[in-house]
Each structure stands twice: as structure tokens, then as C-alpha cells.
Amino acid sequence: MGPRTKNGLPKHCSWNVDRHGKRRVRFRKRSVSIYLTDTPWGEAFMRQYAAALANGERVMLLTRQHVQQIVNAKASTPSAQRNFLFTIRAMFQWAFKEGRVPDDPTRGITREKIRTTGYPTWSESEIERFETVHPIGGKARLAFAAALHRPAARRCGADGAAGHSPRHPGDRSAQDRWRRGGTP
């Protein structure tokens, strides 16, 4: 059986009322917090309890090889691979700082780079179709016009990030006029 606490449940377990008003047994130990089903002290309940106890200790057993295997298994989906690694890395960095794990198993883990060709360029017919659907003055049309004419503004040197054009390295007059609302 095992030791009972004052509430008559195994260690790390307590009675809780869930959001539906149902009285349930909740297991809480460190980062593990789950509801256990079945009758307390029953065979199925004790299997769940043992799994919950072991689950709290499993994180400490993760090695760099385990994490690298998980990351490698997600190689066909590079974005999911990156998201998984960023999430688990943040968790282990926090756990290491708090002294909950002896080492950070995500240190030195490598992943596939995300290779993309970028967004496709719209053809003239696609631009016209968008302009017929979205009326002038609407948010979509305004955002589209700003994005469509942005490259032209950068070529004129109107953007601070674009800097000076190579032909006129010291001439900022066009850039300054553009910022003040004039035309270059």
C-alpha cells in the first residue's frame, strides 16, 4: 500500500474540486501537476501514481544525446524542430539556474537551418485583383500600398536604414525632404 497522509491519499496527492465541481485527486510534485483518475489506492490509481512519480524524475535523466535524437527526429519539419528546441532550451536554462537539474542537456544541440525561397512576387494581374477587391481607404489597401511602394522609397534614400546612395554619399537633401513630407 504505502504511507497515507492526513487526507488519506498517497504522498504528493490532495483532494481538489475541478472547474466542473467534481471532487478529484491531484498529484503535485515539482513540475508535475496532474489529475489522477480511478478510485484512490486502487490498482489503476496506483499505476498512475507510480507513473506520475517517475515522470517528475525523468526530466533529470535527459542527456544531450536524447535531446539531439528528438531534434533529429523532427528534421522533416524545421520550424517545429526550432520551436521544440527553443522551448526545451528555455525550460532547461531555468531549471539549471534554479538547481533543479545538474546540467543543461540542450547546450551544444544543433538543428537544421530553415531554408526558404521567401514570399513569391505578385504578378500585375494579382495586384489588380487585390485592388479591385479592397477599396481605396480601407486598411488592407493602405497596408498594401505602403508595402508595394516601400522598395521605391528605399531606392530614393528615404529610409534611414537605406542610408546614402552610392552615387551621392554626402547628399542627404532628398532624404531630409522626404522625412519632412516634401517630395524628393
Protein backbone atom coordinates (compact mmCIF):
# COMPACT_ATOMS: atom_id res chain seq x y z
CA MET A 1 0.00 0.00 0.00
CA GLY A 2 2.24 2.83 1.15
CA PRO A 3 2.13 5.68 3.64
CA ARG A 4 -1.04 7.71 3.85
CA THR A 5 -1.14 11.40 4.56
CA LYS A 6 -3.70 13.17 6.77
CA ASN A 7 -6.12 13.35 3.85
CA GLY A 8 -5.96 9.59 3.34
CA LEU A 9 -4.12 9.81 0.00
CA PRO A 10 -0.57 8.93 -1.05
CA LYS A 11 2.23 11.48 -0.67
CA HIS A 12 2.04 14.47 -3.09
CA CYS A 13 -1.71 13.89 -3.61
CA SER A 14 -4.59 16.05 -2.44
CA TRP A 15 -8.33 16.37 -2.95
CA ASN A 16 -9.35 19.16 -5.32
CA VAL A 17 -12.59 20.33 -6.81
CA ASP A 18 -12.20 20.84 -10.56
CA ARG A 19 -13.91 23.57 -12.61
CA HIS A 20 -16.97 21.35 -13.08
CA GLY A 21 -17.44 20.92 -9.35
CA LYS A 22 -16.22 17.32 -9.39
CA ARG A 23 -14.01 16.17 -6.50
CA ARG A 24 -10.79 14.70 -7.89
CA VAL A 25 -7.34 13.64 -6.74
CA ARG A 26 -4.50 15.87 -7.87
CA PHE A 27 -0.83 14.82 -7.89
CA ARG A 28 1.69 17.65 -7.43
CA LYS A 29 5.43 17.27 -7.19
CA ARG A 30 7.88 19.80 -8.54
CA SER A 31 6.92 20.48 -12.14
CA VAL A 32 4.39 17.63 -12.41
CA SER A 33 0.77 18.52 -11.68
CA ILE A 34 -1.90 16.14 -12.99
CA TYR A 35 -5.27 14.71 -12.02
CA LEU A 36 -5.31 11.00 -11.19
CA THR A 37 -8.42 9.06 -12.16
CA ASP A 38 -9.95 5.92 -10.68
CA THR A 39 -10.51 5.10 -7.03
CA PRO A 40 -7.69 6.11 -4.66
CA TRP A 41 -5.48 3.18 -3.64
CA GLY A 42 -6.95 1.03 -6.43
CA GLU A 43 -4.71 -0.83 -8.86
CA ALA A 44 -5.22 1.57 -11.80
CA PHE A 45 -4.83 4.59 -9.50
CA MET A 46 -1.54 3.28 -8.11
CA ARG A 47 -0.20 2.70 -11.66
CA GLN A 48 -0.98 6.33 -12.49
CA TYR A 49 0.59 7.44 -9.21
CA ALA A 50 3.81 5.49 -9.93
CA ALA A 51 3.95 6.94 -13.46
CA ALA A 52 3.47 10.47 -12.09
CA LEU A 53 6.26 9.92 -9.54
CA ALA A 54 8.60 8.63 -12.24
CA ASN A 55 7.63 11.42 -14.63
CA GLY A 56 8.93 14.07 -12.26
CA GLU A 57 12.34 12.40 -12.21
CA ARG A 58 12.57 11.64 -15.94
CA VAL A 59 13.49 15.19 -16.89
CA MET A 60 16.70 14.84 -14.90
CA LEU A 61 17.57 11.71 -16.89
CA LEU A 62 17.54 13.53 -20.26
CA THR A 63 21.00 13.71 -21.80
CA ARG A 64 22.35 15.66 -24.75
CA GLN A 65 22.08 12.50 -26.85
CA HIS A 66 18.37 12.15 -26.03
CA VAL A 67 17.63 15.78 -26.87
CA GLN A 68 19.66 15.57 -30.10
CA GLN A 69 17.74 12.41 -31.11
CA ILE A 70 14.42 14.19 -30.55
CA VAL A 71 15.61 17.21 -32.54
CA ASN A 72 16.91 14.97 -35.35
CA ALA A 73 13.57 13.16 -35.50
CA LYS A 74 11.92 16.49 -36.33
CA ALA A 75 14.29 17.20 -39.25
CA SER A 76 11.47 16.94 -41.81
CA THR A 77 9.75 19.92 -40.15
CA PRO A 78 12.47 22.52 -39.46
CA SER A 79 10.10 25.06 -37.89
CA ALA A 80 8.75 22.50 -35.42
CA GLN A 81 12.32 21.46 -34.73
CA ARG A 82 13.30 25.06 -33.94
CA ASN A 83 10.23 25.69 -31.80
CA PHE A 84 10.79 22.50 -29.81
CA LEU A 85 14.45 23.30 -29.21
CA PHE A 86 13.77 26.91 -28.18
CA THR A 87 11.07 25.78 -25.74
CA ILE A 88 13.02 22.97 -24.14
CA ARG A 89 16.16 25.11 -24.03
CA ALA A 90 14.36 27.84 -22.10
CA MET A 91 12.98 25.26 -19.67
CA PHE A 92 16.38 23.66 -19.03
CA GLN A 93 18.17 27.00 -18.67
CA TRP A 94 15.65 27.96 -15.99
CA ALA A 95 15.91 24.53 -14.29
CA PHE A 96 19.71 24.71 -14.31
CA LYS A 97 19.73 28.21 -12.78
CA GLU A 98 17.29 27.04 -10.09
CA GLY A 99 19.45 24.00 -9.34
CA ARG A 100 16.75 21.51 -10.35
CA VAL A 101 18.93 19.74 -12.91
CA PRO A 102 22.69 19.14 -12.64
CA ASP A 103 23.44 20.07 -16.27
CA ASP A 104 21.76 21.73 -19.25
CA PRO A 105 21.34 18.96 -21.86
CA THR A 106 20.36 21.45 -24.58
CA ARG A 107 23.78 23.12 -24.60
CA GLY A 108 25.54 22.33 -27.87
CA ILE A 109 22.47 20.88 -29.63
CA THR A 110 22.41 21.60 -33.35
CA ARG A 111 19.43 21.83 -35.67
CA GLU A 112 18.72 22.17 -39.37
CA LYS A 113 18.60 25.70 -40.74
CA ILE A 114 15.27 26.75 -42.13
CA ARG A 115 15.69 27.13 -45.86
CA THR A 116 13.03 29.06 -47.71
CA THR A 117 12.77 30.86 -51.00
CA GLY A 118 10.77 33.64 -49.37
CA TYR A 119 7.45 35.04 -50.43
CA PRO A 120 6.62 34.89 -54.14
CA THR A 121 6.42 38.17 -56.03
CA TRP A 122 2.92 39.12 -57.14
CA SER A 123 2.21 39.47 -60.84
CA GLU A 124 0.44 42.54 -62.24
CA SER A 125 -2.83 40.59 -62.58
CA GLU A 126 -2.69 39.56 -58.89
CA ILE A 127 -2.08 43.18 -57.87
CA GLU A 128 -5.05 44.34 -59.96
CA ARG A 129 -7.27 41.60 -58.49
CA PHE A 130 -6.34 42.69 -54.95
CA GLU A 131 -7.02 46.34 -55.77
CA THR A 132 -10.48 45.52 -57.18
CA VAL A 133 -11.46 43.56 -54.05
CA HIS A 134 -10.16 46.08 -51.49
CA PRO A 135 -11.45 49.66 -51.89
CA ILE A 136 -9.22 52.73 -51.58
CA GLY A 137 -9.18 53.99 -47.99
CA GLY A 138 -9.51 50.58 -46.38
CA LYS A 139 -6.87 49.20 -44.01
CA ALA A 140 -5.90 46.35 -46.33
CA ARG A 141 -5.47 48.69 -49.31
CA LEU A 142 -3.46 51.18 -47.24
CA ALA A 143 -1.12 48.48 -45.94
CA PHE A 144 -0.77 47.07 -49.43
CA ALA A 145 0.09 50.47 -50.92
CA ALA A 146 2.70 51.07 -48.20
CA ALA A 147 4.29 47.68 -48.84
CA LEU A 148 4.08 48.00 -52.61
CA HIS A 149 5.80 51.39 -52.73
CA ARG A 150 8.33 50.69 -49.96
CA PRO A 151 11.08 49.45 -52.32
CA ALA A 152 10.76 52.64 -54.36
CA ALA A 153 11.14 54.72 -51.21
CA ARG A 154 14.27 52.77 -50.25
CA ARG A 155 15.76 53.35 -53.71
CA CYS A 156 15.20 57.09 -53.25
CA GLY A 157 17.09 57.01 -49.99
CA ALA A 158 14.04 57.93 -47.93
CA ASP A 159 14.63 55.23 -45.36
CA GLY A 160 17.13 55.79 -42.57
CA ALA A 161 18.29 52.16 -42.88
CA ALA A 162 18.94 52.59 -46.59
CA GLY A 163 21.45 55.33 -45.82
CA HIS A 164 23.10 57.28 -48.58
CA SER A 165 23.07 56.10 -52.13
CA PRO A 166 26.48 55.11 -53.50
CA ARG A 167 26.26 57.85 -56.14
CA HIS A 168 25.71 60.64 -53.61
CA PRO A 169 27.34 59.58 -50.33
CA GLY A 170 27.24 63.02 -48.72
CA ASP A 171 23.96 64.34 -50.14
CA ARG A 172 21.15 63.90 -47.60
CA SER A 173 18.87 66.60 -49.02
CA ALA A 174 16.46 64.19 -50.74
CA GLN A 175 16.25 62.03 -47.63
CA ASP A 176 15.58 65.04 -45.39
CA ARG A 177 12.91 66.46 -47.69
CA TRP A 178 11.16 63.07 -47.78
CA ARG A 179 11.05 62.86 -43.98
CA ARG A 180 9.61 66.38 -43.67
CA GLY A 181 6.76 65.48 -46.00
CA GLY A 182 8.06 67.07 -49.20
CA THR A 183 8.89 65.23 -52.36
CA PRO A 184 12.48 64.25 -53.11
